[in-house]
Amino acid sequence: SPEQEASMTAQEMEYLPNVGGAYLNRGRLLSGQGQSDAA
């Protein structure tokens, strides 16, 4: 995309949003377990 950093590789473009998704989904599971601070 026009806003994409030229230095970012294809792997990084996929990698970073997916890592963010991993934290988000783990946070949801932790919230469901009552671990609000960790979430």
PDB file of all heavy atoms in Angstrom:
ATOM      1  N   SER A   1       0.851  -1.191   0.000  1.00  0.00           N
ATOM      2  CA  SER A   1       0.000   0.000   0.000  1.00  0.00           C
ATOM      3  C   SER A   1       0.889   1.245   0.000  1.00  0.00           C
ATOM      4  O   SER A   1       2.059   1.169   0.370  1.00  0.00           O
ATOM      5  CB  SER A   1      -0.891  -0.001   1.248  1.00  0.00           C
ATOM      6  OG  SER A   1      -0.093   0.131   2.408  1.00  0.00           O
ATOM      7  N   PRO A   2       0.341   2.398  -0.412  1.00  0.00           N
ATOM      8  CA  PRO A   2       1.158   3.616  -0.470  1.00  0.00           C
ATOM      9  C   PRO A   2       1.790   3.982   0.872  1.00  0.00           C
ATOM     10  O   PRO A   2       2.855   4.558   0.909  1.00  0.00           O
ATOM     11  CB  PRO A   2       0.164   4.692  -0.914  1.00  0.00           C
ATOM     12  CG  PRO A   2      -0.896   3.935  -1.627  1.00  0.00           C
ATOM     13  CD  PRO A   2      -1.004   2.623  -0.918  1.00  0.00           C
ATOM     14  N   GLU A   3       1.098   3.631   1.984  1.00  0.00           N
ATOM     15  CA  GLU A   3       1.610   3.993   3.303  1.00  0.00           C
ATOM     16  C   GLU A   3       2.639   3.005   3.829  1.00  0.00           C
ATOM     17  O   GLU A   3       3.247   3.211   4.860  1.00  0.00           O
ATOM     18  CB  GLU A   3       0.451   4.073   4.317  1.00  0.00           C
ATOM     19  CG  GLU A   3      -0.611   5.108   3.972  1.00  0.00           C
ATOM     20  CD  GLU A   3      -1.684   4.552   3.064  1.00  0.00           C
ATOM     21  OE1 GLU A   3      -1.545   3.397   2.610  1.00  0.00           O
ATOM     22  OE2 GLU A   3      -2.660   5.274   2.800  1.00  0.00           O
ATOM     23  N   GLN A   4       2.831   1.882   3.121  1.00  0.00           N
ATOM     24  CA  GLN A   4       3.691   0.819   3.623  1.00  0.00           C
ATOM     25  C   GLN A   4       5.153   1.248   3.612  1.00  0.00           C
ATOM     26  O   GLN A   4       5.623   1.849   2.653  1.00  0.00           O
ATOM     27  CB  GLN A   4       3.537  -0.431   2.752  1.00  0.00           C
ATOM     28  CG  GLN A   4       4.065  -1.695   3.409  1.00  0.00           C
ATOM     29  CD  GLN A   4       3.199  -2.116   4.560  1.00  0.00           C
ATOM     30  OE1 GLN A   4       1.989  -2.068   4.485  1.00  0.00           O
ATOM     31  NE2 GLN A   4       3.824  -2.516   5.639  1.00  0.00           N
ATOM     32  N   GLU A   5       5.859   0.951   4.677  1.00  0.00           N
ATOM     33  CA  GLU A   5       7.282   1.264   4.712  1.00  0.00           C
ATOM     34  C   GLU A   5       8.001   0.432   3.661  1.00  0.00           C
ATOM     35  O   GLU A   5       7.841  -0.781   3.586  1.00  0.00           O
ATOM     36  CB  GLU A   5       7.861   0.931   6.098  1.00  0.00           C
ATOM     37  CG  GLU A   5       7.380   1.846   7.206  1.00  0.00           C
ATOM     38  CD  GLU A   5       8.051   1.492   8.523  1.00  0.00           C
ATOM     39  OE1 GLU A   5       9.251   1.176   8.512  1.00  0.00           O
ATOM     40  OE2 GLU A   5       7.363   1.509   9.548  1.00  0.00           O
ATOM     41  N   ALA A   6       8.842   1.080   2.880  1.00  0.00           N
ATOM     42  CA  ALA A   6       9.564   0.363   1.826  1.00  0.00           C
ATOM     43  C   ALA A   6      10.499  -0.681   2.404  1.00  0.00           C
ATOM     44  O   ALA A   6      10.820  -1.668   1.757  1.00  0.00           O
ATOM     45  CB  ALA A   6      10.353   1.359   0.983  1.00  0.00           C
ATOM     46  N   SER A   7      10.931  -0.487   3.650  1.00  0.00           N
ATOM     47  CA  SER A   7      11.897  -1.416   4.248  1.00  0.00           C
ATOM     48  C   SER A   7      11.245  -2.675   4.800  1.00  0.00           C
ATOM     49  O   SER A   7      11.929  -3.614   5.177  1.00  0.00           O
ATOM     50  CB  SER A   7      12.656  -0.710   5.385  1.00  0.00           C
ATOM     51  OG  SER A   7      11.748  -0.298   6.401  1.00  0.00           O
ATOM     52  N   MET A   8       9.908  -2.709   4.859  1.00  0.00           N
ATOM     53  CA  MET A   8       9.237  -3.869   5.434  1.00  0.00           C
ATOM     54  C   MET A   8       9.144  -5.000   4.430  1.00  0.00           C
ATOM     55  O   MET A   8       8.815  -4.794   3.266  1.00  0.00           O
ATOM     56  CB  MET A   8       7.831  -3.489   5.914  1.00  0.00           C
ATOM     57  CG  MET A   8       7.827  -2.601   7.127  1.00  0.00           C
ATOM     58  SD  MET A   8       6.169  -2.387   7.791  1.00  0.00           S
ATOM     59  CE  MET A   8       5.901  -3.978   8.558  1.00  0.00           C
ATOM     60  N   THR A   9       9.463  -6.191   4.893  1.00  0.00           N
ATOM     61  CA  THR A   9       9.381  -7.359   4.024  1.00  0.00           C
ATOM     62  C   THR A   9       7.961  -7.899   4.023  1.00  0.00           C
ATOM     63  O   THR A   9       7.136  -7.549   4.870  1.00  0.00           O
ATOM     64  CB  THR A   9      10.328  -8.458   4.513  1.00  0.00           C
ATOM     65  OG1 THR A   9       9.877  -8.915   5.803  1.00  0.00           O
ATOM     66  CG2 THR A   9      11.759  -7.951   4.627  1.00  0.00           C
ATOM     67  N   ALA A  10       7.696  -8.807   3.065  1.00  0.00           N
ATOM     68  CA  ALA A  10       6.378  -9.442   3.009  1.00  0.00           C
ATOM     69  C   ALA A  10       6.089 -10.188   4.299  1.00  0.00           C
ATOM     70  O   ALA A  10       4.968 -10.184   4.799  1.00  0.00           O
ATOM     71  CB  ALA A  10       6.324 -10.397   1.816  1.00  0.00           C
ATOM     72  N   GLN A  11       7.119 -10.828   4.856  1.00  0.00           N
ATOM     73  CA  GLN A  11       6.930 -11.584   6.097  1.00  0.00           C
ATOM     74  C   GLN A  11       6.513 -10.652   7.228  1.00  0.00           C
ATOM     75  O   GLN A  11       5.612 -10.956   8.002  1.00  0.00           O
ATOM     76  CB  GLN A  11       8.216 -12.314   6.480  1.00  0.00           C
ATOM     77  CG  GLN A  11       8.054 -13.179   7.737  1.00  0.00           C
ATOM     78  CD  GLN A  11       9.351 -13.866   8.128  1.00  0.00           C
ATOM     79  OE1 GLN A  11      10.408 -13.531   7.617  1.00  0.00           O
ATOM     80  NE2 GLN A  11       9.270 -14.814   9.027  1.00  0.00           N
ATOM     81  N   GLU A  12       7.144  -9.478   7.313  1.00  0.00           N
ATOM     82  CA  GLU A  12       6.799  -8.534   8.377  1.00  0.00           C
ATOM     83  C   GLU A  12       5.389  -7.996   8.203  1.00  0.00           C
ATOM     84  O   GLU A  12       4.676  -7.781   9.179  1.00  0.00           O
ATOM     85  CB  GLU A  12       7.803  -7.382   8.386  1.00  0.00           C
ATOM     86  CG  GLU A  12       9.156  -7.772   8.935  1.00  0.00           C
ATOM     87  CD  GLU A  12      10.166  -6.648   8.795  1.00  0.00           C
ATOM     88  OE1 GLU A  12      10.191  -5.994   7.735  1.00  0.00           O
ATOM     89  OE2 GLU A  12      10.930  -6.439   9.747  1.00  0.00           O
ATOM     90  N   MET A  13       4.979  -7.772   6.943  1.00  0.00           N
ATOM     91  CA  MET A  13       3.639  -7.250   6.705  1.00  0.00           C
ATOM     92  C   MET A  13       2.571  -8.211   7.201  1.00  0.00           C
ATOM     93  O   MET A  13       1.532  -7.803   7.693  1.00  0.00           O
ATOM     94  CB  MET A  13       3.446  -6.958   5.214  1.00  0.00           C
ATOM     95  CG  MET A  13       4.194  -5.725   4.749  1.00  0.00           C
ATOM     96  SD  MET A  13       3.722  -5.233   3.095  1.00  0.00           S
ATOM     97  CE  MET A  13       4.464  -6.527   2.122  1.00  0.00           C
ATOM     98  N   GLU A  14       2.812  -9.510   7.062  1.00  0.00           N
ATOM     99  CA  GLU A  14       1.863 -10.501   7.563  1.00  0.00           C
ATOM    100  C   GLU A  14       2.101 -10.754   9.042  1.00  0.00           C
ATOM    101  O   GLU A  14       1.171 -10.932   9.823  1.00  0.00           O
ATOM    102  CB  GLU A  14       2.017 -11.815   6.791  1.00  0.00           C
ATOM    103  CG  GLU A  14       1.146 -12.925   7.344  1.00  0.00           C
ATOM    104  CD  GLU A  14       1.428 -14.255   6.668  1.00  0.00           C
ATOM    105  OE1 GLU A  14       1.670 -14.277   5.466  1.00  0.00           O
ATOM    106  OE2 GLU A  14       1.419 -15.271   7.388  1.00  0.00           O
ATOM    107  N   TYR A  15       3.370 -10.744   9.438  1.00  0.00           N
ATOM    108  CA  TYR A  15       3.773 -11.186  10.765  1.00  0.00           C
ATOM    109  C   TYR A  15       3.235 -10.281  11.872  1.00  0.00           C
ATOM    110  O   TYR A  15       2.634 -10.751  12.834  1.00  0.00           O
ATOM    111  CB  TYR A  15       5.297 -11.223  10.802  1.00  0.00           C
ATOM    112  CG  TYR A  15       5.921 -11.632  12.107  1.00  0.00           C
ATOM    113  CD1 TYR A  15       5.900 -12.964  12.515  1.00  0.00           C
ATOM    114  CD2 TYR A  15       6.558 -10.706  12.925  1.00  0.00           C
ATOM    115  CE1 TYR A  15       6.496 -13.348  13.701  1.00  0.00           C
ATOM    116  CE2 TYR A  15       7.152 -11.086  14.106  1.00  0.00           C
ATOM    117  CZ  TYR A  15       7.117 -12.405  14.494  1.00  0.00           C
ATOM    118  OH  TYR A  15       7.702 -12.785  15.668  1.00  0.00           O
ATOM    119  N   LEU A  16       3.437  -8.975  11.727  1.00  0.00           N
ATOM    120  CA  LEU A  16       3.090  -8.069  12.815  1.00  0.00           C
ATOM    121  C   LEU A  16       1.600  -8.048  13.147  1.00  0.00           C
ATOM    122  O   LEU A  16       1.233  -8.167  14.313  1.00  0.00           O
ATOM    123  CB  LEU A  16       3.615  -6.667  12.500  1.00  0.00           C
ATOM    124  CG  LEU A  16       5.151  -6.563  12.546  1.00  0.00           C
ATOM    125  CD1 LEU A  16       5.604  -5.231  11.974  1.00  0.00           C
ATOM    126  CD2 LEU A  16       5.662  -6.725  13.962  1.00  0.00           C
ATOM    127  N   PRO A  17       0.696  -7.903  12.157  1.00  0.00           N
ATOM    128  CA  PRO A  17      -0.730  -7.952  12.502  1.00  0.00           C
ATOM    129  C   PRO A  17      -1.140  -9.279  13.129  1.00  0.00           C
ATOM    130  O   PRO A  17      -1.989  -9.316  14.020  1.00  0.00           O
ATOM    131  CB  PRO A  17      -1.436  -7.736  11.156  1.00  0.00           C
ATOM    132  CG  PRO A  17      -0.433  -7.005  10.332  1.00  0.00           C
ATOM    133  CD  PRO A  17       0.891  -7.572  10.737  1.00  0.00           C
ATOM    134  N   ASN A  18      -0.531 -10.380  12.685  1.00  0.00           N
ATOM    135  CA  ASN A  18      -0.875 -11.671  13.262  1.00  0.00           C
ATOM    136  C   ASN A  18      -0.393 -11.788  14.704  1.00  0.00           C
ATOM    137  O   ASN A  18      -1.064 -12.382  15.550  1.00  0.00           O
ATOM    138  CB  ASN A  18      -0.293 -12.803  12.418  1.00  0.00           C
ATOM    139  CG  ASN A  18      -1.140 -13.110  11.209  1.00  0.00           C
ATOM    140  OD1 ASN A  18      -2.334 -12.845  11.191  1.00  0.00           O
ATOM    141  ND2 ASN A  18      -0.540 -13.662  10.180  1.00  0.00           N
ATOM    142  N   VAL A  19       0.773 -11.232  15.006  1.00  0.00           N
ATOM    143  CA  VAL A  19       1.242 -11.224  16.391  1.00  0.00           C
ATOM    144  C   VAL A  19       0.302 -10.391  17.249  1.00  0.00           C
ATOM    145  O   VAL A  19      -0.057 -10.776  18.362  1.00  0.00           O
ATOM    146  CB  VAL A  19       2.689 -10.690  16.478  1.00  0.00           C
ATOM    147  CG1 VAL A  19       3.079 -10.479  17.938  1.00  0.00           C
ATOM    148  CG2 VAL A  19       3.656 -11.661  15.821  1.00  0.00           C
ATOM    149  N   GLY A  20      -0.114  -9.246  16.715  1.00  0.00           N
ATOM    150  CA  GLY A  20      -1.100  -8.436  17.441  1.00  0.00           C
ATOM    151  C   GLY A  20      -2.363  -9.218  17.703  1.00  0.00           C
ATOM    152  O   GLY A  20      -2.941  -9.155  18.794  1.00  0.00           O
ATOM    153  N   GLY A  21      -2.794  -9.998  16.716  1.00  0.00           N
ATOM    154  CA  GLY A  21      -3.979 -10.835  16.886  1.00  0.00           C
ATOM    155  C   GLY A  21      -3.790 -11.907  17.942  1.00  0.00           C
ATOM    156  O   GLY A  21      -4.731 -12.266  18.663  1.00  0.00           O
ATOM    157  N   ALA A  22      -2.573 -12.418  18.057  1.00  0.00           N
ATOM    158  CA  ALA A  22      -2.295 -13.440  19.073  1.00  0.00           C
ATOM    159  C   ALA A  22      -2.449 -12.854  20.474  1.00  0.00           C
ATOM    160  O   ALA A  22      -3.054 -13.475  21.363  1.00  0.00           O
ATOM    161  CB  ALA A  22      -0.889 -14.011  18.873  1.00  0.00           C
ATOM    162  N   TYR A  23      -1.891 -11.662  20.683  1.00  0.00           N
ATOM    163  CA  TYR A  23      -2.056 -11.009  21.995  1.00  0.00           C
ATOM    164  C   TYR A  23      -3.527 -10.695  22.264  1.00  0.00           C
ATOM    165  O   TYR A  23      -4.015 -10.884  23.384  1.00  0.00           O
ATOM    166  CB  TYR A  23      -1.236  -9.723  22.049  1.00  0.00           C
ATOM    167  CG  TYR A  23       0.223  -9.928  22.365  1.00  0.00           C
ATOM    168  CD1 TYR A  23       1.187  -9.860  21.362  1.00  0.00           C
ATOM    169  CD2 TYR A  23       0.650 -10.180  23.665  1.00  0.00           C
ATOM    170  CE1 TYR A  23       2.536 -10.035  21.641  1.00  0.00           C
ATOM    171  CE2 TYR A  23       1.995 -10.364  23.960  1.00  0.00           C
ATOM    172  CZ  TYR A  23       2.941 -10.287  22.941  1.00  0.00           C
ATOM    173  OH  TYR A  23       4.267 -10.468  23.224  1.00  0.00           O
ATOM    174  N   LEU A  24      -4.225 -10.215  21.255  1.00  0.00           N
ATOM    175  CA  LEU A  24      -5.640  -9.877  21.422  1.00  0.00           C
ATOM    176  C   LEU A  24      -6.454 -11.101  21.828  1.00  0.00           C
ATOM    177  O   LEU A  24      -7.235 -11.050  22.790  1.00  0.00           O
ATOM    178  CB  LEU A  24      -6.187  -9.300  20.113  1.00  0.00           C
ATOM    179  CG  LEU A  24      -7.706  -9.126  20.011  1.00  0.00           C
ATOM    180  CD1 LEU A  24      -8.220  -8.176  21.075  1.00  0.00           C
ATOM    181  CD2 LEU A  24      -8.092  -8.633  18.613  1.00  0.00           C
ATOM    182  N   ASN A  25      -6.255 -12.196  21.114  1.00  0.00           N
ATOM    183  CA  ASN A  25      -7.056 -13.391  21.406  1.00  0.00           C
ATOM    184  C   ASN A  25      -6.662 -14.050  22.718  1.00  0.00           C
ATOM    185  O   ASN A  25      -7.514 -14.586  23.420  1.00  0.00           O
ATOM    186  CB  ASN A  25      -6.942 -14.378  20.235  1.00  0.00           C
ATOM    187  CG  ASN A  25      -7.716 -13.905  19.028  1.00  0.00           C
ATOM    188  OD1 ASN A  25      -8.857 -13.488  19.135  1.00  0.00           O
ATOM    189  ND2 ASN A  25      -7.097 -13.935  17.861  1.00  0.00           N
ATOM    190  N   ARG A  26      -5.365 -13.999  23.045  1.00  0.00           N
ATOM    191  CA  ARG A  26      -4.979 -14.527  24.357  1.00  0.00           C
ATOM    192  C   ARG A  26      -5.574 -13.667  25.460  1.00  0.00           C
ATOM    193  O   ARG A  26      -6.021 -14.183  26.503  1.00  0.00           O
ATOM    194  CB  ARG A  26      -3.457 -14.597  24.488  1.00  0.00           C
ATOM    195  CG  ARG A  26      -3.037 -15.368  25.741  1.00  0.00           C
ATOM    196  CD  ARG A  26      -1.537 -15.537  25.859  1.00  0.00           C
ATOM    197  NE  ARG A  26      -0.854 -14.281  26.182  1.00  0.00           N
ATOM    198  CZ  ARG A  26       0.444 -14.202  26.489  1.00  0.00           C
ATOM    199  NH1 ARG A  26       1.198 -15.309  26.475  1.00  0.00           N
ATOM    200  NH2 ARG A  26       1.006 -13.041  26.777  1.00  0.00           N
ATOM    201  N   GLY A  27      -5.608 -12.362  25.226  1.00  0.00           N
ATOM    202  CA  GLY A  27      -6.232 -11.472  26.210  1.00  0.00           C
ATOM    203  C   GLY A  27      -7.695 -11.801  26.433  1.00  0.00           C
ATOM    204  O   GLY A  27      -8.190 -11.779  27.559  1.00  0.00           O
ATOM    205  N   ARG A  28      -8.407 -12.108  25.352  1.00  0.00           N
ATOM    206  CA  ARG A  28      -9.817 -12.490  25.485  1.00  0.00           C
ATOM    207  C   ARG A  28      -9.964 -13.743  26.346  1.00  0.00           C
ATOM    208  O   ARG A  28     -10.846 -13.815  27.216  1.00  0.00           O
ATOM    209  CB  ARG A  28     -10.429 -12.761  24.111  1.00  0.00           C
ATOM    210  CG  ARG A  28     -10.765 -11.553  23.290  1.00  0.00           C
ATOM    211  CD  ARG A  28     -11.635 -11.925  22.103  1.00  0.00           C
ATOM    212  NE  ARG A  28     -11.114 -13.040  21.338  1.00  0.00           N
ATOM    213  CZ  ARG A  28     -11.508 -14.301  21.454  1.00  0.00           C
ATOM    214  NH1 ARG A  28     -12.447 -14.637  22.339  1.00  0.00           N
ATOM    215  NH2 ARG A  28     -10.981 -15.253  20.693  1.00  0.00           N
ATOM    216  N   LEU A  29      -9.110 -14.743  26.074  1.00  0.00           N
ATOM    217  CA  LEU A  29      -9.187 -15.985  26.856  1.00  0.00           C
ATOM    218  C   LEU A  29      -8.854 -15.722  28.321  1.00  0.00           C
ATOM    219  O   LEU A  29      -9.501 -16.271  29.230  1.00  0.00           O
ATOM    220  CB  LEU A  29      -8.231 -17.030  26.270  1.00  0.00           C
ATOM    221  CG  LEU A  29      -8.616 -17.603  24.901  1.00  0.00           C
ATOM    222  CD1 LEU A  29      -7.518 -18.530  24.384  1.00  0.00           C
ATOM    223  CD2 LEU A  29      -9.937 -18.366  24.980  1.00  0.00           C
ATOM    224  N   LEU A  30      -7.850 -14.892  28.568  1.00  0.00           N
ATOM    225  CA  LEU A  30      -7.484 -14.566  29.949  1.00  0.00           C
ATOM    226  C   LEU A  30      -8.606 -13.809  30.650  1.00  0.00           C
ATOM    227  O   LEU A  30      -8.885 -14.043  31.834  1.00  0.00           O
ATOM    228  CB  LEU A  30      -6.198 -13.731  29.960  1.00  0.00           C
ATOM    229  CG  LEU A  30      -4.921 -14.473  29.566  1.00  0.00           C
ATOM    230  CD1 LEU A  30      -3.772 -13.487  29.347  1.00  0.00           C
ATOM    231  CD2 LEU A  30      -4.541 -15.502  30.631  1.00  0.00           C
ATOM    232  N   SER A  31      -9.265 -12.918  29.926  1.00  0.00           N
ATOM    233  CA  SER A  31     -10.402 -12.193  30.502  1.00  0.00           C
ATOM    234  C   SER A  31     -11.507 -13.160  30.902  1.00  0.00           C
ATOM    235  O   SER A  31     -12.117 -13.023  31.976  1.00  0.00           O
ATOM    236  CB  SER A  31     -10.935 -11.179  29.490  1.00  0.00           C
ATOM    237  OG  SER A  31     -12.095 -10.543  29.979  1.00  0.00           O
ATOM    238  N   GLY A  32     -11.764 -14.146  30.041  1.00  0.00           N
ATOM    239  CA  GLY A  32     -12.778 -15.151  30.332  1.00  0.00           C
ATOM    240  C   GLY A  32     -12.434 -15.999  31.542  1.00  0.00           C
ATOM    241  O   GLY A  32     -13.324 -16.562  32.191  1.00  0.00           O
ATOM    242  N   GLN A  33     -11.138 -16.080  31.868  1.00  0.00           N
ATOM    243  CA  GLN A  33     -10.687 -16.823  33.047  1.00  0.00           C
ATOM    244  C   GLN A  33     -10.621 -15.935  34.292  1.00  0.00           C
ATOM    245  O   GLN A  33     -10.192 -16.388  35.350  1.00  0.00           O
ATOM    246  CB  GLN A  33      -9.300 -17.419  32.777  1.00  0.00           C
ATOM    247  CG  GLN A  33      -9.282 -18.464  31.674  1.00  0.00           C
ATOM    248  CD  GLN A  33      -7.867 -18.883  31.277  1.00  0.00           C
ATOM    249  OE1 GLN A  33      -6.879 -18.390  31.829  1.00  0.00           O
ATOM    250  NE2 GLN A  33      -7.759 -19.810  30.334  1.00  0.00           N
ATOM    251  N   GLY A  34     -11.038 -14.679  34.143  1.00  0.00           N
ATOM    252  CA  GLY A  34     -11.025 -13.758  35.277  1.00  0.00           C
ATOM    253  C   GLY A  34      -9.689 -13.099  35.523  1.00  0.00           C
ATOM    254  O   GLY A  34      -9.508 -12.435  36.549  1.00  0.00           O
ATOM    255  N   GLN A  35      -8.740 -13.249  34.608  1.00  0.00           N
ATOM    256  CA  GLN A  35      -7.408 -12.656  34.779  1.00  0.00           C
ATOM    257  C   GLN A  35      -7.361 -11.303  34.059  1.00  0.00           C
ATOM    258  O   GLN A  35      -6.715 -11.141  33.020  1.00  0.00           O
ATOM    259  CB  GLN A  35      -6.342 -13.595  34.238  1.00  0.00           C
ATOM    260  CG  GLN A  35      -6.318 -14.960  34.916  1.00  0.00           C
ATOM    261  CD  GLN A  35      -5.200 -15.838  34.383  1.00  0.00           C
ATOM    262  OE1 GLN A  35      -4.029 -15.457  34.387  1.00  0.00           O
ATOM    263  NE2 GLN A  35      -5.548 -17.044  33.921  1.00  0.00           N
ATOM    264  N   SER A  36      -8.040 -10.317  34.636  1.00  0.00           N
ATOM    265  CA  SER A  36      -8.222  -9.031  33.971  1.00  0.00           C
ATOM    266  C   SER A  36      -6.913  -8.274  33.772  1.00  0.00           C
ATOM    267  O   SER A  36      -6.692  -7.670  32.717  1.00  0.00           O
ATOM    268  CB  SER A  36      -9.207  -8.163  34.764  1.00  0.00           C
ATOM    269  OG  SER A  36      -9.437  -6.944  34.108  1.00  0.00           O
ATOM    270  N   ASP A  37      -6.035  -8.278  34.770  1.00  0.00           N
ATOM    271  CA  ASP A  37      -4.777  -7.541  34.639  1.00  0.00           C
ATOM    272  C   ASP A  37      -3.927  -8.120  33.509  1.00  0.00           C
ATOM    273  O   ASP A  37      -3.350  -7.371  32.713  1.00  0.00           O
ATOM    274  CB  ASP A  37      -3.991  -7.591  35.953  1.00  0.00           C
ATOM    275  CG  ASP A  37      -4.634  -6.742  37.045  1.00  0.00           C
ATOM    276  OD1 ASP A  37      -5.495  -5.896  36.714  1.00  0.00           O
ATOM    277  OD2 ASP A  37      -4.274  -6.927  38.222  1.00  0.00           O
ATOM    278  N   ALA A  38      -3.843  -9.445  33.454  1.00  0.00           N
ATOM    279  CA  ALA A  38      -3.067 -10.088  32.382  1.00  0.00           C
ATOM    280  C   ALA A  38      -3.704  -9.823  31.028  1.00  0.00           C
ATOM    281  O   ALA A  38      -3.004  -9.607  30.022  1.00  0.00           O
ATOM    282  CB  ALA A  38      -2.971 -11.600  32.636  1.00  0.00           C
ATOM    283  N   ALA A  39      -5.034  -9.813  30.999  1.00  0.00           N
ATOM    284  CA  ALA A  39      -5.747  -9.530  29.749  1.00  0.00           C
ATOM    285  C   ALA A  39      -5.445  -8.109  29.279  1.00  0.00           C
ATOM    286  O   ALA A  39      -5.173  -7.883  28.091  1.00  0.00           O
ATOM    287  CB  ALA A  39      -7.252  -9.712  29.943  1.00  0.00           C
TER     288      ALA A  39
END
